[in-house]
Amino acid sequence: MSDLCELSNRKCKPCEGGMPPLSQEVSNKLLSQLDGWALQDKVIRKTFEFKNYYQTMAFVNAVAWLSHREDHHPDLSVGFNRCQVEYSTHSVNGLSENDFICAAKVDRLFHL
């Protein structure tokens, strides 16, 4: 859990043009610091489940606020009692450290 706290306490940094995506090795290492996230191709994703629509939408709004604050935005798929969160960094055409930082922050938010 200390690794998750470390990631969730970091701040996203702007990705500069021409910056390469993270290697598979680095991505796997950072993924191991997250709880329940899956890596597929150039995306990390996790589905969060809730008791009802109200809790789902409260979570979506909190993720939107967090995303605005970090200036790093996920793709969200929302249903009645679930929300799938997907991170990738379009400017690097793959994964950046920001994806893992935000994933850790979303996990922390979910457990509040």
N, C-alpha and C. Protein backbone atom coordinates (compact mmCIF):
# COMPACT_ATOMS: atom_id res chain seq x y z
N MET A 1 0.82 -1.20 0.00
CA MET A 1 0.00 0.00 0.00
C MET A 1 0.86 1.26 0.00
N SER A 2 2.07 1.20 0.48
CA SER A 2 2.92 2.39 0.50
C SER A 2 3.23 2.87 -0.91
N ASP A 3 3.36 1.92 -1.88
CA ASP A 3 3.60 2.32 -3.27
C ASP A 3 2.41 3.10 -3.82
N LEU A 4 1.19 2.64 -3.49
CA LEU A 4 -0.01 3.32 -3.95
C LEU A 4 -0.06 4.72 -3.37
N CYS A 5 0.25 4.85 -2.10
CA CYS A 5 0.26 6.18 -1.49
C CYS A 5 1.30 7.06 -2.16
N GLU A 6 2.44 6.48 -2.48
CA GLU A 6 3.48 7.27 -3.14
C GLU A 6 2.99 7.78 -4.49
N LEU A 7 2.41 6.92 -5.31
CA LEU A 7 1.90 7.34 -6.61
C LEU A 7 0.78 8.36 -6.46
N SER A 8 -0.13 8.13 -5.53
CA SER A 8 -1.28 9.02 -5.40
C SER A 8 -0.92 10.38 -4.81
N ASN A 9 0.26 10.49 -4.23
CA ASN A 9 0.70 11.78 -3.69
C ASN A 9 1.48 12.60 -4.72
N ARG A 10 1.74 12.03 -5.87
CA ARG A 10 2.50 12.75 -6.90
C ARG A 10 1.56 13.59 -7.76
N LYS A 11 2.12 14.54 -8.45
CA LYS A 11 1.36 15.45 -9.32
C LYS A 11 1.70 15.13 -10.77
N CYS A 12 0.71 15.15 -11.63
CA CYS A 12 0.94 14.94 -13.06
C CYS A 12 1.78 16.07 -13.63
N LYS A 13 2.61 15.71 -14.61
CA LYS A 13 3.46 16.68 -15.30
C LYS A 13 3.03 16.72 -16.77
N PRO A 14 3.09 17.88 -17.39
CA PRO A 14 2.72 17.96 -18.81
C PRO A 14 3.62 17.04 -19.66
N CYS A 15 2.99 16.34 -20.59
CA CYS A 15 3.75 15.50 -21.52
C CYS A 15 4.12 16.34 -22.73
N GLU A 16 5.39 16.36 -23.03
CA GLU A 16 5.88 17.15 -24.14
C GLU A 16 5.81 16.35 -25.43
N GLY A 17 5.61 17.05 -26.54
CA GLY A 17 5.58 16.40 -27.84
C GLY A 17 6.87 15.66 -28.10
N GLY A 18 6.78 14.50 -28.67
CA GLY A 18 7.96 13.70 -28.97
C GLY A 18 8.42 12.84 -27.81
N MET A 19 7.78 12.98 -26.66
CA MET A 19 8.13 12.16 -25.50
C MET A 19 7.68 10.72 -25.77
N PRO A 20 8.54 9.75 -25.53
CA PRO A 20 8.15 8.36 -25.81
C PRO A 20 7.22 7.81 -24.72
N PRO A 21 6.38 6.83 -25.08
CA PRO A 21 5.55 6.18 -24.07
C PRO A 21 6.44 5.34 -23.15
N LEU A 22 5.89 4.96 -22.00
CA LEU A 22 6.64 4.11 -21.08
C LEU A 22 6.89 2.74 -21.72
N SER A 23 7.99 2.13 -21.35
CA SER A 23 8.28 0.79 -21.83
C SER A 23 7.35 -0.21 -21.14
N GLN A 24 7.25 -1.39 -21.70
CA GLN A 24 6.43 -2.45 -21.11
C GLN A 24 6.92 -2.78 -19.70
N GLU A 25 8.23 -2.79 -19.52
CA GLU A 25 8.83 -3.10 -18.21
C GLU A 25 8.43 -2.07 -17.16
N VAL A 26 8.55 -0.80 -17.49
CA VAL A 26 8.19 0.27 -16.55
C VAL A 26 6.69 0.25 -16.29
N SER A 27 5.90 0.05 -17.35
CA SER A 27 4.44 -0.02 -17.19
C SER A 27 4.05 -1.15 -16.25
N ASN A 28 4.65 -2.31 -16.41
CA ASN A 28 4.34 -3.45 -15.53
C ASN A 28 4.73 -3.16 -14.09
N LYS A 29 5.85 -2.49 -13.89
CA LYS A 29 6.29 -2.15 -12.53
C LYS A 29 5.29 -1.19 -11.87
N LEU A 30 4.88 -0.17 -12.60
CA LEU A 30 3.92 0.78 -12.06
C LEU A 30 2.55 0.13 -11.85
N LEU A 31 2.15 -0.75 -12.78
CA LEU A 31 0.87 -1.46 -12.65
C LEU A 31 0.85 -2.30 -11.38
N SER A 32 1.98 -2.87 -11.01
CA SER A 32 2.03 -3.70 -9.80
C SER A 32 1.80 -2.88 -8.53
N GLN A 33 1.88 -1.56 -8.64
CA GLN A 33 1.63 -0.69 -7.49
C GLN A 33 0.16 -0.30 -7.37
N LEU A 34 -0.65 -0.72 -8.36
CA LEU A 34 -2.07 -0.41 -8.36
C LEU A 34 -2.88 -1.64 -7.97
N ASP A 35 -4.11 -1.42 -7.53
CA ASP A 35 -4.97 -2.52 -7.09
C ASP A 35 -6.07 -2.78 -8.10
N GLY A 36 -5.96 -3.90 -8.82
CA GLY A 36 -7.04 -4.32 -9.69
C GLY A 36 -7.10 -3.69 -11.07
N TRP A 37 -6.10 -2.92 -11.43
CA TRP A 37 -6.06 -2.33 -12.76
C TRP A 37 -5.46 -3.34 -13.74
N ALA A 38 -5.95 -3.33 -14.96
CA ALA A 38 -5.46 -4.23 -16.01
C ALA A 38 -4.81 -3.42 -17.11
N LEU A 39 -3.75 -3.98 -17.67
CA LEU A 39 -3.03 -3.35 -18.78
C LEU A 39 -3.34 -4.13 -20.04
N GLN A 40 -3.84 -3.42 -21.05
CA GLN A 40 -4.10 -4.05 -22.34
C GLN A 40 -3.70 -3.07 -23.42
N ASP A 41 -2.77 -3.51 -24.25
CA ASP A 41 -2.23 -2.66 -25.31
C ASP A 41 -1.67 -1.38 -24.70
N LYS A 42 -2.26 -0.25 -25.01
CA LYS A 42 -1.73 1.04 -24.55
C LYS A 42 -2.66 1.70 -23.54
N VAL A 43 -3.42 0.88 -22.79
CA VAL A 43 -4.44 1.39 -21.88
C VAL A 43 -4.38 0.64 -20.56
N ILE A 44 -4.60 1.36 -19.45
CA ILE A 44 -4.87 0.71 -18.17
C ILE A 44 -6.33 0.99 -17.83
N ARG A 45 -7.01 -0.03 -17.27
CA ARG A 45 -8.44 0.12 -16.99
C ARG A 45 -8.84 -0.63 -15.72
N LYS A 46 -9.91 -0.12 -15.15
CA LYS A 46 -10.50 -0.76 -13.96
C LYS A 46 -11.98 -0.42 -13.93
N THR A 47 -12.80 -1.39 -13.52
CA THR A 47 -14.23 -1.16 -13.35
C THR A 47 -14.55 -1.07 -11.87
N PHE A 48 -15.22 0.01 -11.50
CA PHE A 48 -15.63 0.24 -10.12
C PHE A 48 -17.13 -0.02 -10.04
N GLU A 49 -17.56 -0.72 -8.98
CA GLU A 49 -18.97 -1.06 -8.82
C GLU A 49 -19.56 -0.35 -7.61
N PHE A 50 -20.87 -0.01 -7.74
CA PHE A 50 -21.56 0.77 -6.72
C PHE A 50 -22.92 0.15 -6.42
N LYS A 51 -23.55 0.62 -5.36
CA LYS A 51 -24.86 0.10 -4.95
C LYS A 51 -25.99 0.65 -5.82
N ASN A 52 -25.81 1.86 -6.35
CA ASN A 52 -26.90 2.49 -7.09
C ASN A 52 -26.36 3.57 -8.03
N TYR A 53 -27.28 4.14 -8.78
CA TYR A 53 -26.93 5.15 -9.77
C TYR A 53 -26.38 6.41 -9.11
N TYR A 54 -26.96 6.81 -8.00
CA TYR A 54 -26.50 8.02 -7.30
C TYR A 54 -25.03 7.91 -6.91
N GLN A 55 -24.62 6.78 -6.33
CA GLN A 55 -23.22 6.59 -5.95
C GLN A 55 -22.32 6.56 -7.18
N THR A 56 -22.80 5.94 -8.25
CA THR A 56 -22.02 5.91 -9.48
C THR A 56 -21.76 7.32 -9.99
N MET A 57 -22.81 8.13 -10.05
CA MET A 57 -22.66 9.49 -10.58
C MET A 57 -21.83 10.38 -9.65
N ALA A 58 -21.93 10.15 -8.35
CA ALA A 58 -21.08 10.91 -7.42
C ALA A 58 -19.61 10.59 -7.69
N PHE A 59 -19.32 9.33 -7.92
CA PHE A 59 -17.95 8.91 -8.25
C PHE A 59 -17.49 9.54 -9.57
N VAL A 60 -18.34 9.50 -10.59
CA VAL A 60 -18.00 10.09 -11.89
C VAL A 60 -17.69 11.57 -11.73
N ASN A 61 -18.50 12.28 -10.97
CA ASN A 61 -18.25 13.71 -10.76
C ASN A 61 -16.96 13.95 -10.00
N ALA A 62 -16.65 13.11 -9.03
CA ALA A 62 -15.40 13.26 -8.29
C ALA A 62 -14.20 12.98 -9.20
N VAL A 63 -14.32 11.98 -10.07
CA VAL A 63 -13.24 11.69 -11.03
C VAL A 63 -13.07 12.87 -11.99
N ALA A 64 -14.18 13.48 -12.41
CA ALA A 64 -14.09 14.64 -13.29
C ALA A 64 -13.36 15.79 -12.61
N TRP A 65 -13.66 16.02 -11.34
CA TRP A 65 -12.98 17.08 -10.59
C TRP A 65 -11.48 16.78 -10.48
N LEU A 66 -11.15 15.54 -10.13
CA LEU A 66 -9.75 15.12 -10.02
C LEU A 66 -9.03 15.28 -11.36
N SER A 67 -9.68 14.89 -12.43
CA SER A 67 -9.09 14.97 -13.76
C SER A 67 -8.81 16.41 -14.15
N HIS A 68 -9.73 17.29 -13.84
CA HIS A 68 -9.54 18.71 -14.13
C HIS A 68 -8.35 19.25 -13.34
N ARG A 69 -8.28 18.87 -12.08
CA ARG A 69 -7.19 19.34 -11.21
C ARG A 69 -5.82 18.86 -11.69
N GLU A 70 -5.75 17.61 -12.17
CA GLU A 70 -4.49 17.04 -12.65
C GLU A 70 -4.23 17.36 -14.12
N ASP A 71 -5.24 17.86 -14.82
CA ASP A 71 -5.17 18.11 -16.26
C ASP A 71 -4.77 16.85 -17.02
N HIS A 72 -5.39 15.74 -16.60
CA HIS A 72 -5.16 14.45 -17.26
C HIS A 72 -6.48 13.69 -17.17
N HIS A 73 -7.07 13.38 -18.31
CA HIS A 73 -8.46 12.95 -18.35
C HIS A 73 -8.61 11.51 -18.86
N PRO A 74 -9.39 10.70 -18.14
CA PRO A 74 -9.62 9.32 -18.56
C PRO A 74 -10.82 9.23 -19.50
N ASP A 75 -10.96 8.08 -20.11
CA ASP A 75 -12.20 7.72 -20.78
C ASP A 75 -13.05 6.99 -19.75
N LEU A 76 -14.31 7.36 -19.65
CA LEU A 76 -15.22 6.75 -18.68
C LEU A 76 -16.38 6.08 -19.42
N SER A 77 -16.73 4.88 -18.98
CA SER A 77 -17.93 4.19 -19.46
C SER A 77 -18.80 4.00 -18.23
N VAL A 78 -20.00 4.58 -18.27
CA VAL A 78 -20.85 4.62 -17.08
C VAL A 78 -22.13 3.83 -17.29
N GLY A 79 -22.47 3.02 -16.30
CA GLY A 79 -23.74 2.30 -16.27
C GLY A 79 -24.45 2.59 -14.96
N PHE A 80 -25.55 1.93 -14.73
CA PHE A 80 -26.36 2.17 -13.54
C PHE A 80 -25.53 2.05 -12.25
N ASN A 81 -24.77 0.98 -12.12
CA ASN A 81 -24.04 0.75 -10.87
C ASN A 81 -22.57 0.42 -11.10
N ARG A 82 -22.02 0.97 -12.18
CA ARG A 82 -20.60 0.72 -12.46
C ARG A 82 -20.03 1.86 -13.28
N CYS A 83 -18.71 1.99 -13.19
CA CYS A 83 -17.99 2.96 -14.01
C CYS A 83 -16.64 2.35 -14.36
N GLN A 84 -16.38 2.22 -15.64
CA GLN A 84 -15.07 1.75 -16.10
C GLN A 84 -14.22 2.97 -16.40
N VAL A 85 -13.01 2.99 -15.84
CA VAL A 85 -12.08 4.09 -16.02
C VAL A 85 -10.90 3.58 -16.84
N GLU A 86 -10.57 4.30 -17.91
CA GLU A 86 -9.45 3.92 -18.76
C GLU A 86 -8.50 5.11 -18.91
N TYR A 87 -7.23 4.83 -18.71
CA TYR A 87 -6.21 5.86 -18.90
C TYR A 87 -5.22 5.46 -19.98
N SER A 88 -4.86 6.43 -20.80
CA SER A 88 -3.75 6.36 -21.73
C SER A 88 -3.40 7.81 -22.05
N THR A 89 -2.24 8.02 -22.60
CA THR A 89 -1.81 9.39 -22.90
C THR A 89 -1.72 9.53 -24.41
N HIS A 90 -2.67 10.26 -24.96
CA HIS A 90 -2.76 10.40 -26.42
C HIS A 90 -1.53 11.09 -27.01
N SER A 91 -0.95 12.04 -26.26
CA SER A 91 0.18 12.80 -26.81
C SER A 91 1.44 11.95 -26.95
N VAL A 92 1.53 10.82 -26.25
CA VAL A 92 2.69 9.94 -26.39
C VAL A 92 2.30 8.63 -27.09
N ASN A 93 1.01 8.52 -27.45
CA ASN A 93 0.51 7.32 -28.12
C ASN A 93 0.80 6.06 -27.30
N GLY A 94 0.50 6.12 -26.03
CA GLY A 94 0.73 4.99 -25.14
C GLY A 94 0.52 5.41 -23.70
N LEU A 95 1.26 4.81 -22.82
CA LEU A 95 1.13 5.10 -21.39
C LEU A 95 2.24 6.04 -20.92
N SER A 96 1.86 6.95 -20.03
CA SER A 96 2.83 7.82 -19.37
C SER A 96 2.69 7.62 -17.87
N GLU A 97 3.62 8.16 -17.13
CA GLU A 97 3.54 8.09 -15.67
C GLU A 97 2.26 8.73 -15.16
N ASN A 98 1.76 9.75 -15.84
CA ASN A 98 0.52 10.42 -15.45
C ASN A 98 -0.65 9.46 -15.36
N ASP A 99 -0.70 8.47 -16.25
CA ASP A 99 -1.79 7.50 -16.22
C ASP A 99 -1.80 6.74 -14.90
N PHE A 100 -0.65 6.35 -14.44
CA PHE A 100 -0.55 5.58 -13.20
C PHE A 100 -0.77 6.46 -11.97
N ILE A 101 -0.32 7.69 -12.03
CA ILE A 101 -0.56 8.63 -10.93
C ILE A 101 -2.06 8.85 -10.77
N CYS A 102 -2.75 9.10 -11.88
CA CYS A 102 -4.19 9.34 -11.80
C CYS A 102 -4.96 8.09 -11.40
N ALA A 103 -4.53 6.93 -11.87
CA ALA A 103 -5.18 5.69 -11.47
C ALA A 103 -5.08 5.51 -9.95
N ALA A 104 -3.93 5.79 -9.38
CA ALA A 104 -3.75 5.68 -7.94
C ALA A 104 -4.63 6.69 -7.20
N LYS A 105 -4.77 7.88 -7.75
CA LYS A 105 -5.62 8.90 -7.15
C LYS A 105 -7.09 8.48 -7.21
N VAL A 106 -7.52 7.87 -8.31
CA VAL A 106 -8.89 7.38 -8.43
C VAL A 106 -9.13 6.26 -7.41
N ASP A 107 -8.18 5.36 -7.25
CA ASP A 107 -8.30 4.31 -6.24
C ASP A 107 -8.45 4.91 -4.85
N ARG A 108 -7.65 5.89 -4.54
CA ARG A 108 -7.71 6.53 -3.23
C ARG A 108 -9.09 7.18 -3.04
N LEU A 109 -9.58 7.83 -4.08
CA LEU A 109 -10.89 8.47 -4.04
C LEU A 109 -11.98 7.42 -3.77
N PHE A 110 -11.90 6.30 -4.44
CA PHE A 110 -12.91 5.23 -4.30
C PHE A 110 -12.95 4.71 -2.86
N HIS A 111 -11.82 4.70 -2.19
CA HIS A 111 -11.75 4.13 -0.84
C HIS A 111 -12.00 5.15 0.26
N LEU A 112 -12.35 6.39 -0.09
CA LEU A 112 -12.66 7.39 0.94
C LEU A 112 -13.95 7.06 1.65
